[in-house]
Protein backbone atom coordinates (compact mmCIF):
# COMPACT_ATOMS: atom_id res chain seq x y z
CA UNK A 1 24.05 -44.30 -37.50
CA UNK A 2 24.27 -43.87 -34.10
CA UNK A 3 21.13 -44.17 -31.94
CA UNK A 4 19.77 -41.81 -29.51
CA UNK A 5 19.38 -43.12 -25.56
CA UNK A 6 16.05 -42.43 -24.54
CA UNK A 7 15.11 -40.00 -21.72
CA UNK A 8 16.16 -37.00 -23.51
CA UNK A 9 19.82 -37.44 -24.58
CA UNK A 10 21.54 -34.08 -25.42
CA UNK A 11 18.32 -32.13 -25.22
CA UNK A 12 17.93 -33.14 -21.45
CA UNK A 13 15.02 -35.18 -20.30
CA UNK A 14 12.05 -35.64 -21.84
CA UNK A 15 8.64 -34.26 -20.48
CA UNK A 16 5.96 -36.46 -19.04
CA UNK A 17 3.01 -37.35 -21.41
CA UNK A 18 0.34 -34.44 -22.08
CA UNK A 19 3.07 -31.43 -21.73
CA UNK A 20 2.59 -31.47 -18.18
CA UNK A 21 5.72 -29.48 -16.19
CA UNK A 22 7.27 -31.82 -13.39
CA UNK A 23 7.78 -30.71 -9.86
CA UNK A 24 11.20 -28.91 -10.21
CA UNK A 25 9.28 -26.64 -12.83
CA UNK A 26 8.91 -23.15 -10.89
CA UNK A 27 5.31 -22.03 -11.24
CA UNK A 28 5.83 -18.65 -11.90
CA UNK A 29 8.17 -16.97 -14.91
CA UNK A 30 12.16 -16.31 -13.86
CA UNK A 31 13.17 -13.28 -13.01
CA UNK A 32 9.55 -11.80 -12.10
CA UNK A 33 8.68 -11.00 -8.57
CA UNK A 34 5.24 -11.40 -7.24
CA UNK A 35 2.70 -8.33 -7.12
CA UNK A 36 3.01 -6.55 -3.79
CA UNK A 37 -0.51 -5.68 -3.83
CA UNK A 38 -3.73 -7.87 -4.43
CA UNK A 39 -5.73 -6.76 -7.48
CA UNK A 40 -8.39 -5.65 -5.17
CA UNK A 41 -5.95 -3.30 -3.69
CA UNK A 42 -4.88 -2.08 -7.21
CA UNK A 43 -8.32 -1.06 -8.21
CA UNK A 44 -9.79 0.66 -4.92
CA UNK A 45 -5.74 3.04 -5.49
CA UNK A 46 -6.75 3.84 -9.13
CA UNK A 47 -10.56 4.65 -8.30
CA UNK A 48 -9.43 6.65 -5.29
CA UNK A 49 -6.98 8.62 -7.35
CA UNK A 50 -9.77 9.15 -9.82
CA UNK A 51 -12.05 10.75 -7.54
CA UNK A 52 -10.08 12.87 -5.40
CA UNK A 53 -7.82 14.32 -8.15
CA UNK A 54 -11.38 15.07 -9.58
CA UNK A 55 -13.30 16.56 -6.52
CA UNK A 56 -9.79 18.69 -6.05
CA UNK A 57 -10.45 20.20 -9.53
CA UNK A 58 -14.00 20.70 -9.33
CA UNK A 59 -13.27 22.32 -5.55
CA UNK A 60 -10.39 24.40 -7.06
CA UNK A 61 -13.00 26.35 -9.40
CA UNK A 62 -12.49 23.77 -13.00
CA UNK A 63 -14.94 25.75 -15.56
CA UNK A 64 -17.60 22.46 -15.52
CA UNK A 65 -17.78 19.21 -14.51
CA UNK A 66 -16.55 17.84 -17.50
CA UNK A 67 -13.15 19.69 -17.46
CA UNK A 68 -12.69 18.13 -13.44
CA UNK A 69 -12.92 14.76 -15.31
CA UNK A 70 -11.07 15.49 -17.48
CA UNK A 71 -8.16 16.03 -15.05
CA UNK A 72 -9.08 13.37 -13.44
CA UNK A 73 -8.92 10.67 -15.97
CA UNK A 74 -5.19 12.28 -16.91
CA UNK A 75 -4.47 11.61 -13.03
CA UNK A 76 -5.60 8.16 -13.40
CA UNK A 77 -3.58 7.14 -16.21
CA UNK A 78 -0.54 8.03 -14.18
CA UNK A 79 -1.81 6.20 -11.77
CA UNK A 80 -2.36 3.33 -13.84
CA UNK A 81 1.41 3.58 -15.23
CA UNK A 82 2.82 3.74 -11.72
CA UNK A 83 0.97 0.99 -10.33
CA UNK A 84 1.59 -1.02 -14.06
CA UNK A 85 5.27 -0.49 -13.57
CA UNK A 86 5.73 -0.41 -9.87
CA UNK A 87 7.23 2.76 -8.94
CA UNK A 88 7.95 2.89 -5.32
């Protein structure tokens, strides 16, 4: 039988005790760029879209406030998908 070398052998170097990554491990997953807008700005955009579209629907003559809020929630969902998918 052959003996395996310490230090990883064929599988590469071993990790330090405790499972902590070493300094060469990137802090974020590869292939994913950091968000361009901070979280607070994203939330502000979503709230503003909901409020503005609801106001426009109400001023445009929606039957009642419930209809205007429904239209605002649809616009909110569209804006949420755009923020999540980073549509430019």
